[in-house]
Amino acid sequence: MPEVGLGLPLERFTLVARGDVYCVVDFVDQDAASIVLTPVPDASLDLEAAKARQLVSAWKMRAELEPQSYEVRVEQRAV
């Protein structure tokens, strides 16, 4: 999965469904985030960090309901 275009991410969440990586969500700062979908790795989607956090939260909730099928992998980088 390529790095997103906004710069080095401070936080990275890899969203996994049924063992396959669905997408990677990178947070560059408090306001900006990017999502890279596995089927289209060359095109990142830029969006507000709040919306991206909603997606990650929803995925975590789904992982609690179906722990065998959904997973959130977290990577944080020191500044």
PDB file of N, CA and C in Angstrom:
ATOM      1  N   MET A   1       0.857  -1.171   0.000  1.00  0.00           N
ATOM      2  CA  MET A   1       0.000   0.000   0.000  1.00  0.00           C
ATOM      3  C   MET A   1       0.902   1.233   0.000  1.00  0.00           C
ATOM      4  N   PRO A   2       0.749   2.137  -0.946  1.00  0.00           N
ATOM      5  CA  PRO A   2       1.620   3.307  -1.033  1.00  0.00           C
ATOM      6  C   PRO A   2       1.322   4.326   0.056  1.00  0.00           C
ATOM      7  N   GLU A   3       2.316   5.145   0.361  1.00  0.00           N
ATOM      8  CA  GLU A   3       2.097   6.258   1.279  1.00  0.00           C
ATOM      9  C   GLU A   3       1.161   7.258   0.605  1.00  0.00           C
ATOM     10  N   VAL A   4       0.375   7.952   1.411  1.00  0.00           N
ATOM     11  CA  VAL A   4      -0.535   8.949   0.853  1.00  0.00           C
ATOM     12  C   VAL A   4       0.227  10.213   0.501  1.00  0.00           C
ATOM     13  N   GLY A   5      -0.414  11.088  -0.238  1.00  0.00           N
ATOM     14  CA  GLY A   5       0.264  12.252  -0.761  1.00  0.00           C
ATOM     15  C   GLY A   5       0.384  13.447   0.153  1.00  0.00           C
ATOM     16  N   LEU A   6      -0.278  13.465   1.309  1.00  0.00           N
ATOM     17  CA  LEU A   6      -0.270  14.651   2.157  1.00  0.00           C
ATOM     18  C   LEU A   6       0.991  14.784   2.997  1.00  0.00           C
ATOM     19  N   GLY A   7       1.786  13.757   3.101  1.00  0.00           N
ATOM     20  CA  GLY A   7       2.979  13.782   3.928  1.00  0.00           C
ATOM     21  C   GLY A   7       3.016  12.554   4.820  1.00  0.00           C
ATOM     22  N   LEU A   8       3.999  12.476   5.679  1.00  0.00           N
ATOM     23  CA  LEU A   8       4.168  11.329   6.561  1.00  0.00           C
ATOM     24  C   LEU A   8       3.020  11.264   7.567  1.00  0.00           C
ATOM     25  N   PRO A   9       2.289  10.173   7.611  1.00  0.00           N
ATOM     26  CA  PRO A   9       1.155  10.087   8.525  1.00  0.00           C
ATOM     27  C   PRO A   9       1.593   9.946   9.977  1.00  0.00           C
ATOM     28  N   LEU A  10       0.835  10.580  10.879  1.00  0.00           N
ATOM     29  CA  LEU A  10       1.076  10.436  12.306  1.00  0.00           C
ATOM     30  C   LEU A  10       0.377   9.196  12.842  1.00  0.00           C
ATOM     31  N   GLU A  11      -0.753   8.877  12.247  1.00  0.00           N
ATOM     32  CA  GLU A  11      -1.518   7.695  12.623  1.00  0.00           C
ATOM     33  C   GLU A  11      -1.947   6.973  11.351  1.00  0.00           C
ATOM     34  N   ARG A  12      -1.910   5.657  11.410  1.00  0.00           N
ATOM     35  CA  ARG A  12      -2.373   4.858  10.271  1.00  0.00           C
ATOM     36  C   ARG A  12      -3.270   3.747  10.804  1.00  0.00           C
ATOM     37  N   PHE A  13      -4.424   3.625  10.185  1.00  0.00           N
ATOM     38  CA  PHE A  13      -5.367   2.562  10.524  1.00  0.00           C
ATOM     39  C   PHE A  13      -5.568   1.715   9.274  1.00  0.00           C
ATOM     40  N   THR A  14      -5.321   0.430   9.404  1.00  0.00           N
ATOM     41  CA  THR A  14      -5.555  -0.501   8.312  1.00  0.00           C
ATOM     42  C   THR A  14      -6.843  -1.235   8.634  1.00  0.00           C
ATOM     43  N   LEU A  15      -7.836  -1.110   7.769  1.00  0.00           N
ATOM     44  CA  LEU A  15      -9.138  -1.730   7.990  1.00  0.00           C
ATOM     45  C   LEU A  15      -9.197  -3.031   7.206  1.00  0.00           C
ATOM     46  N   VAL A  16      -9.439  -4.116   7.937  1.00  0.00           N
ATOM     47  CA  VAL A  16      -9.401  -5.454   7.371  1.00  0.00           C
ATOM     48  C   VAL A  16     -10.789  -6.082   7.453  1.00  0.00           C
ATOM     49  N   ALA A  17     -11.228  -6.678   6.360  1.00  0.00           N
ATOM     50  CA  ALA A  17     -12.512  -7.378   6.314  1.00  0.00           C
ATOM     51  C   ALA A  17     -12.275  -8.796   5.834  1.00  0.00           C
ATOM     52  N   ARG A  18     -12.665  -9.744   6.665  1.00  0.00           N
ATOM     53  CA  ARG A  18     -12.540 -11.167   6.316  1.00  0.00           C
ATOM     54  C   ARG A  18     -11.130 -11.551   5.860  1.00  0.00           C
ATOM     55  N   GLY A  19     -10.129 -10.992   6.542  1.00  0.00           N
ATOM     56  CA  GLY A  19      -8.740 -11.324   6.256  1.00  0.00           C
ATOM     57  C   GLY A  19      -8.074 -10.524   5.163  1.00  0.00           C
ATOM     58  N   ASP A  20      -8.834  -9.715   4.439  1.00  0.00           N
ATOM     59  CA  ASP A  20      -8.279  -8.907   3.349  1.00  0.00           C
ATOM     60  C   ASP A  20      -8.263  -7.431   3.739  1.00  0.00           C
ATOM     61  N   VAL A  21      -7.183  -6.733   3.389  1.00  0.00           N
ATOM     62  CA  VAL A  21      -7.112  -5.298   3.647  1.00  0.00           C
ATOM     63  C   VAL A  21      -8.126  -4.598   2.753  1.00  0.00           C
ATOM     64  N   TYR A  22      -9.022  -3.839   3.383  1.00  0.00           N
ATOM     65  CA  TYR A  22     -10.059  -3.104   2.666  1.00  0.00           C
ATOM     66  C   TYR A  22      -9.543  -1.723   2.276  1.00  0.00           C
ATOM     67  N   CYS A  23      -8.937  -1.033   3.268  1.00  0.00           N
ATOM     68  CA  CYS A  23      -8.375   0.283   2.992  1.00  0.00           C
ATOM     69  C   CYS A  23      -7.405   0.672   4.101  1.00  0.00           C
ATOM     70  N   VAL A  24      -6.652   1.735   3.837  1.00  0.00           N
ATOM     71  CA  VAL A  24      -5.741   2.309   4.818  1.00  0.00           C
ATOM     72  C   VAL A  24      -6.141   3.766   5.008  1.00  0.00           C
ATOM     73  N   VAL A  25      -6.311   4.148   6.274  1.00  0.00           N
ATOM     74  CA  VAL A  25      -6.671   5.526   6.612  1.00  0.00           C
ATOM     75  C   VAL A  25      -5.472   6.156   7.303  1.00  0.00           C
ATOM     76  N   ASP A  26      -4.954   7.242   6.732  1.00  0.00           N
ATOM     77  CA  ASP A  26      -3.810   7.962   7.298  1.00  0.00           C
ATOM     78  C   ASP A  26      -4.257   9.333   7.785  1.00  0.00           C
ATOM     79  N   PHE A  27      -3.826   9.684   9.013  1.00  0.00           N
ATOM     80  CA  PHE A  27      -4.079  11.006   9.568  1.00  0.00           C
ATOM     81  C   PHE A  27      -2.762  11.757   9.595  1.00  0.00           C
ATOM     82  N   VAL A  28      -2.714  12.883   8.896  1.00  0.00           N
ATOM     83  CA  VAL A  28      -1.498  13.665   8.805  1.00  0.00           C
ATOM     84  C   VAL A  28      -1.462  14.735   9.887  1.00  0.00           C
ATOM     85  N   ASP A  29      -2.628  15.293  10.215  1.00  0.00           N
ATOM     86  CA  ASP A  29      -2.746  16.264  11.305  1.00  0.00           C
ATOM     87  C   ASP A  29      -4.180  16.227  11.817  1.00  0.00           C
ATOM     88  N   GLN A  30      -4.543  17.181  12.652  1.00  0.00           N
ATOM     89  CA  GLN A  30      -5.876  17.191  13.255  1.00  0.00           C
ATOM     90  C   GLN A  30      -6.993  17.412  12.241  1.00  0.00           C
ATOM     91  N   ASP A  31      -6.668  18.005  11.091  1.00  0.00           N
ATOM     92  CA  ASP A  31      -7.695  18.371  10.118  1.00  0.00           C
ATOM     93  C   ASP A  31      -7.717  17.528   8.852  1.00  0.00           C
ATOM     94  N   ALA A  32      -6.617  16.876   8.538  1.00  0.00           N
ATOM     95  CA  ALA A  32      -6.503  16.211   7.236  1.00  0.00           C
ATOM     96  C   ALA A  32      -6.258  14.708   7.365  1.00  0.00           C
ATOM     97  N   ALA A  33      -6.914  13.977   6.472  1.00  0.00           N
ATOM     98  CA  ALA A  33      -6.736  12.531   6.401  1.00  0.00           C
ATOM     99  C   ALA A  33      -6.843  12.099   4.943  1.00  0.00           C
ATOM    100  N   SER A  34      -6.329  10.907   4.669  1.00  0.00           N
ATOM    101  CA  SER A  34      -6.438  10.305   3.346  1.00  0.00           C
ATOM    102  C   SER A  34      -6.822   8.848   3.503  1.00  0.00           C
ATOM    103  N   ILE A  35      -7.558   8.357   2.524  1.00  0.00           N
ATOM    104  CA  ILE A  35      -7.942   6.959   2.489  1.00  0.00           C
ATOM    105  C   ILE A  35      -7.450   6.380   1.170  1.00  0.00           C
ATOM    106  N   VAL A  36      -6.802   5.222   1.264  1.00  0.00           N
ATOM    107  CA  VAL A  36      -6.384   4.498   0.069  1.00  0.00           C
ATOM    108  C   VAL A  36      -7.144   3.182   0.076  1.00  0.00           C
ATOM    109  N   LEU A  37      -7.989   2.984  -0.935  1.00  0.00           N
ATOM    110  CA  LEU A  37      -8.747   1.745  -1.069  1.00  0.00           C
ATOM    111  C   LEU A  37      -7.885   0.700  -1.771  1.00  0.00           C
ATOM    112  N   THR A  38      -7.941  -0.517  -1.291  1.00  0.00           N
ATOM    113  CA  THR A  38      -7.123  -1.587  -1.858  1.00  0.00           C
ATOM    114  C   THR A  38      -7.343  -1.788  -3.362  1.00  0.00           C
ATOM    115  N   PRO A  39      -8.596  -1.750  -3.861  1.00  0.00           N
ATOM    116  CA  PRO A  39      -8.783  -1.967  -5.300  1.00  0.00           C
ATOM    117  C   PRO A  39      -8.189  -0.870  -6.187  1.00  0.00           C
ATOM    118  N   VAL A  40      -7.994   0.333  -5.632  1.00  0.00           N
ATOM    119  CA  VAL A  40      -7.427   1.440  -6.417  1.00  0.00           C
ATOM    120  C   VAL A  40      -6.282   2.099  -5.629  1.00  0.00           C
ATOM    121  N   PRO A  41      -5.170   1.398  -5.468  1.00  0.00           N
ATOM    122  CA  PRO A  41      -4.088   1.891  -4.611  1.00  0.00           C
ATOM    123  C   PRO A  41      -3.376   3.137  -5.121  1.00  0.00           C
ATOM    124  N   ASP A  42      -3.552   3.474  -6.375  1.00  0.00           N
ATOM    125  CA  ASP A  42      -2.867   4.644  -6.935  1.00  0.00           C
ATOM    126  C   ASP A  42      -3.663   5.933  -6.764  1.00  0.00           C
ATOM    127  N   ALA A  43      -4.857   5.851  -6.187  1.00  0.00           N
ATOM    128  CA  ALA A  43      -5.699   7.038  -6.030  1.00  0.00           C
ATOM    129  C   ALA A  43      -6.133   7.166  -4.573  1.00  0.00           C
ATOM    130  N   SER A  44      -5.566   8.136  -3.875  1.00  0.00           N
ATOM    131  CA  SER A  44      -5.979   8.357  -2.491  1.00  0.00           C
ATOM    132  C   SER A  44      -7.110   9.384  -2.458  1.00  0.00           C
ATOM    133  N   LEU A  45      -7.961   9.249  -1.468  1.00  0.00           N
ATOM    134  CA  LEU A  45      -9.072  10.168  -1.270  1.00  0.00           C
ATOM    135  C   LEU A  45      -8.768  11.051  -0.070  1.00  0.00           C
ATOM    136  N   ASP A  46      -8.732  12.357  -0.258  1.00  0.00           N
ATOM    137  CA  ASP A  46      -8.485  13.287   0.837  1.00  0.00           C
ATOM    138  C   ASP A  46      -9.821  13.697   1.444  1.00  0.00           C
ATOM    139  N   LEU A  47      -9.858  13.752   2.779  1.00  0.00           N
ATOM    140  CA  LEU A  47     -11.071  14.180   3.449  1.00  0.00           C
ATOM    141  C   LEU A  47     -10.748  14.737   4.816  1.00  0.00           C
ATOM    142  N   GLU A  48     -11.770  15.310   5.460  1.00  0.00           N
ATOM    143  CA  GLU A  48     -11.602  15.864   6.794  1.00  0.00           C
ATOM    144  C   GLU A  48     -11.290  14.737   7.771  1.00  0.00           C
ATOM    145  N   ALA A  49     -10.431  15.033   8.725  1.00  0.00           N
ATOM    146  CA  ALA A  49     -10.037  14.030   9.714  1.00  0.00           C
ATOM    147  C   ALA A  49     -11.241  13.540  10.516  1.00  0.00           C
ATOM    148  N   ALA A  50     -12.193  14.419  10.807  1.00  0.00           N
ATOM    149  CA  ALA A  50     -13.369  14.019  11.587  1.00  0.00           C
ATOM    150  C   ALA A  50     -14.170  12.928  10.864  1.00  0.00           C
ATOM    151  N   LYS A  51     -14.338  13.063   9.570  1.00  0.00           N
ATOM    152  CA  LYS A  51     -15.062  12.056   8.779  1.00  0.00           C
ATOM    153  C   LYS A  51     -14.292  10.740   8.746  1.00  0.00           C
ATOM    154  N   ALA A  52     -12.987  10.834   8.599  1.00  0.00           N
ATOM    155  CA  ALA A  52     -12.165   9.627   8.580  1.00  0.00           C
ATOM    156  C   ALA A  52     -12.221   8.921   9.931  1.00  0.00           C
ATOM    157  N   ARG A  53     -12.231   9.682  11.022  1.00  0.00           N
ATOM    158  CA  ARG A  53     -12.337   9.084  12.359  1.00  0.00           C
ATOM    159  C   ARG A  53     -13.689   8.389  12.541  1.00  0.00           C
ATOM    160  N   GLN A  54     -14.733   8.942  11.947  1.00  0.00           N
ATOM    161  CA  GLN A  54     -16.039   8.286  11.990  1.00  0.00           C
ATOM    162  C   GLN A  54     -15.981   6.928  11.298  1.00  0.00           C
ATOM    163  N   LEU A  55     -15.306   6.857  10.167  1.00  0.00           N
ATOM    164  CA  LEU A  55     -15.165   5.595   9.449  1.00  0.00           C
ATOM    165  C   LEU A  55     -14.413   4.571  10.299  1.00  0.00           C
ATOM    166  N   VAL A  56     -13.309   4.980  10.901  1.00  0.00           N
ATOM    167  CA  VAL A  56     -12.520   4.072  11.727  1.00  0.00           C
ATOM    168  C   VAL A  56     -13.336   3.614  12.936  1.00  0.00           C
ATOM    169  N   SER A  57     -14.081   4.522  13.552  1.00  0.00           N
ATOM    170  CA  SER A  57     -14.924   4.159  14.701  1.00  0.00           C
ATOM    171  C   SER A  57     -16.005   3.161  14.311  1.00  0.00           C
ATOM    172  N   ALA A  58     -16.622   3.380  13.172  1.00  0.00           N
ATOM    173  CA  ALA A  58     -17.658   2.458  12.699  1.00  0.00           C
ATOM    174  C   ALA A  58     -17.062   1.079  12.433  1.00  0.00           C
ATOM    175  N   TRP A  59     -15.858   1.039  11.874  1.00  0.00           N
ATOM    176  CA  TRP A  59     -15.200  -0.244  11.587  1.00  0.00           C
ATOM    177  C   TRP A  59     -14.871  -0.968  12.896  1.00  0.00           C
ATOM    178  N   LYS A  60     -14.426  -0.199  13.915  1.00  0.00           N
ATOM    179  CA  LYS A  60     -14.126  -0.795  15.218  1.00  0.00           C
ATOM    180  C   LYS A  60     -15.390  -1.389  15.844  1.00  0.00           C
ATOM    181  N   MET A  61     -16.499  -0.670  15.726  1.00  0.00           N
ATOM    182  CA  MET A  61     -17.761  -1.178  16.260  1.00  0.00           C
ATOM    183  C   MET A  61     -18.158  -2.464  15.553  1.00  0.00           C
ATOM    184  N   ARG A  62     -17.979  -2.507  14.250  1.00  0.00           N
ATOM    185  CA  ARG A  62     -18.293  -3.712  13.488  1.00  0.00           C
ATOM    186  C   ARG A  62     -17.384  -4.864  13.908  1.00  0.00           C
ATOM    187  N   ALA A  63     -16.116  -4.539  14.209  1.00  0.00           N
ATOM    188  CA  ALA A  63     -15.167  -5.559  14.649  1.00  0.00           C
ATOM    189  C   ALA A  63     -15.572  -6.147  15.998  1.00  0.00           C
ATOM    190  N   GLU A  64     -16.191  -5.333  16.852  1.00  0.00           N
ATOM    191  CA  GLU A  64     -16.671  -5.833  18.139  1.00  0.00           C
ATOM    192  C   GLU A  64     -17.842  -6.787  17.956  1.00  0.00           C
ATOM    193  N   LEU A  65     -18.675  -6.511  16.956  1.00  0.00           N
ATOM    194  CA  LEU A  65     -19.837  -7.362  16.701  1.00  0.00           C
ATOM    195  C   LEU A  65     -19.458  -8.650  15.980  1.00  0.00           C
ATOM    196  N   GLU A  66     -18.486  -8.568  15.094  1.00  0.00           N
ATOM    197  CA  GLU A  66     -18.060  -9.726  14.314  1.00  0.00           C
ATOM    198  C   GLU A  66     -16.531  -9.828  14.347  1.00  0.00           C
ATOM    199  N   PRO A  67     -15.957 -10.190  15.506  1.00  0.00           N
ATOM    200  CA  PRO A  67     -14.496 -10.157  15.644  1.00  0.00           C
ATOM    201  C   PRO A  67     -13.749 -11.086  14.699  1.00  0.00           C
ATOM    202  N   GLN A  68     -14.377 -12.108  14.187  1.00  0.00           N
ATOM    203  CA  GLN A  68     -13.708 -13.011  13.259  1.00  0.00           C
ATOM    204  C   GLN A  68     -13.577 -12.396  11.869  1.00  0.00           C
ATOM    205  N   SER A  69     -14.450 -11.451  11.553  1.00  0.00           N
ATOM    206  CA  SER A  69     -14.522 -10.931  10.186  1.00  0.00           C
ATOM    207  C   SER A  69     -13.875  -9.567   9.983  1.00  0.00           C
ATOM    208  N   TYR A  70     -13.856  -8.729  11.030  1.00  0.00           N
ATOM    209  CA  TYR A  70     -13.383  -7.355  10.883  1.00  0.00           C
ATOM    210  C   TYR A  70     -12.288  -7.056  11.891  1.00  0.00           C
ATOM    211  N   GLU A  71     -11.336  -6.224  11.468  1.00  0.00           N
ATOM    212  CA  GLU A  71     -10.194  -5.902  12.321  1.00  0.00           C
ATOM    213  C   GLU A  71      -9.708  -4.501  11.982  1.00  0.00           C
ATOM    214  N   VAL A  72      -9.178  -3.807  13.005  1.00  0.00           N
ATOM    215  CA  VAL A  72      -8.552  -2.509  12.803  1.00  0.00           C
ATOM    216  C   VAL A  72      -7.121  -2.624  13.313  1.00  0.00           C
ATOM    217  N   ARG A  73      -6.158  -2.431  12.445  1.00  0.00           N
ATOM    218  CA  ARG A  73      -4.742  -2.433  12.831  1.00  0.00           C
ATOM    219  C   ARG A  73      -4.279  -0.989  12.949  1.00  0.00           C
ATOM    220  N   VAL A  74      -3.613  -0.684  14.044  1.00  0.00           N
ATOM    221  CA  VAL A  74      -3.206   0.703  14.332  1.00  0.00           C
ATOM    222  C   VAL A  74      -1.688   0.815  14.312  1.00  0.00           C
ATOM    223  N   GLU A  75      -1.232   1.891  13.685  1.00  0.00           N
ATOM    224  CA  GLU A  75       0.200   2.198  13.676  1.00  0.00           C
ATOM    225  C   GLU A  75       0.339   3.683  13.960  1.00  0.00           C
ATOM    226  N   GLN A  76       1.114   4.027  14.978  1.00  0.00           N
ATOM    227  CA  GLN A  76       1.369   5.429  15.286  1.00  0.00           C
ATOM    228  C   GLN A  76       2.852   5.697  15.144  1.00  0.00           C
ATOM    229  N   ARG A  77       3.162   6.861  14.627  1.00  0.00           N
ATOM    230  CA  ARG A  77       4.555   7.235  14.420  1.00  0.00           C
ATOM    231  C   ARG A  77       4.924   8.376  15.329  1.00  0.00           C
ATOM    232  N   ALA A  78       6.101   8.314  15.886  1.00  0.00           N
ATOM    233  CA  ALA A  78       6.596   9.391  16.740  1.00  0.00           C
ATOM    234  C   ALA A  78       7.020  10.573  15.875  1.00  0.00           C
ATOM    235  N   VAL A  79       6.774  11.747  16.397  1.00  0.00           N
ATOM    236  CA  VAL A  79       7.122  12.967  15.666  1.00  0.00           C
ATOM    237  C   VAL A  79       8.528  13.372  15.971  1.00  0.00           C
TER     238      VAL A  79
END
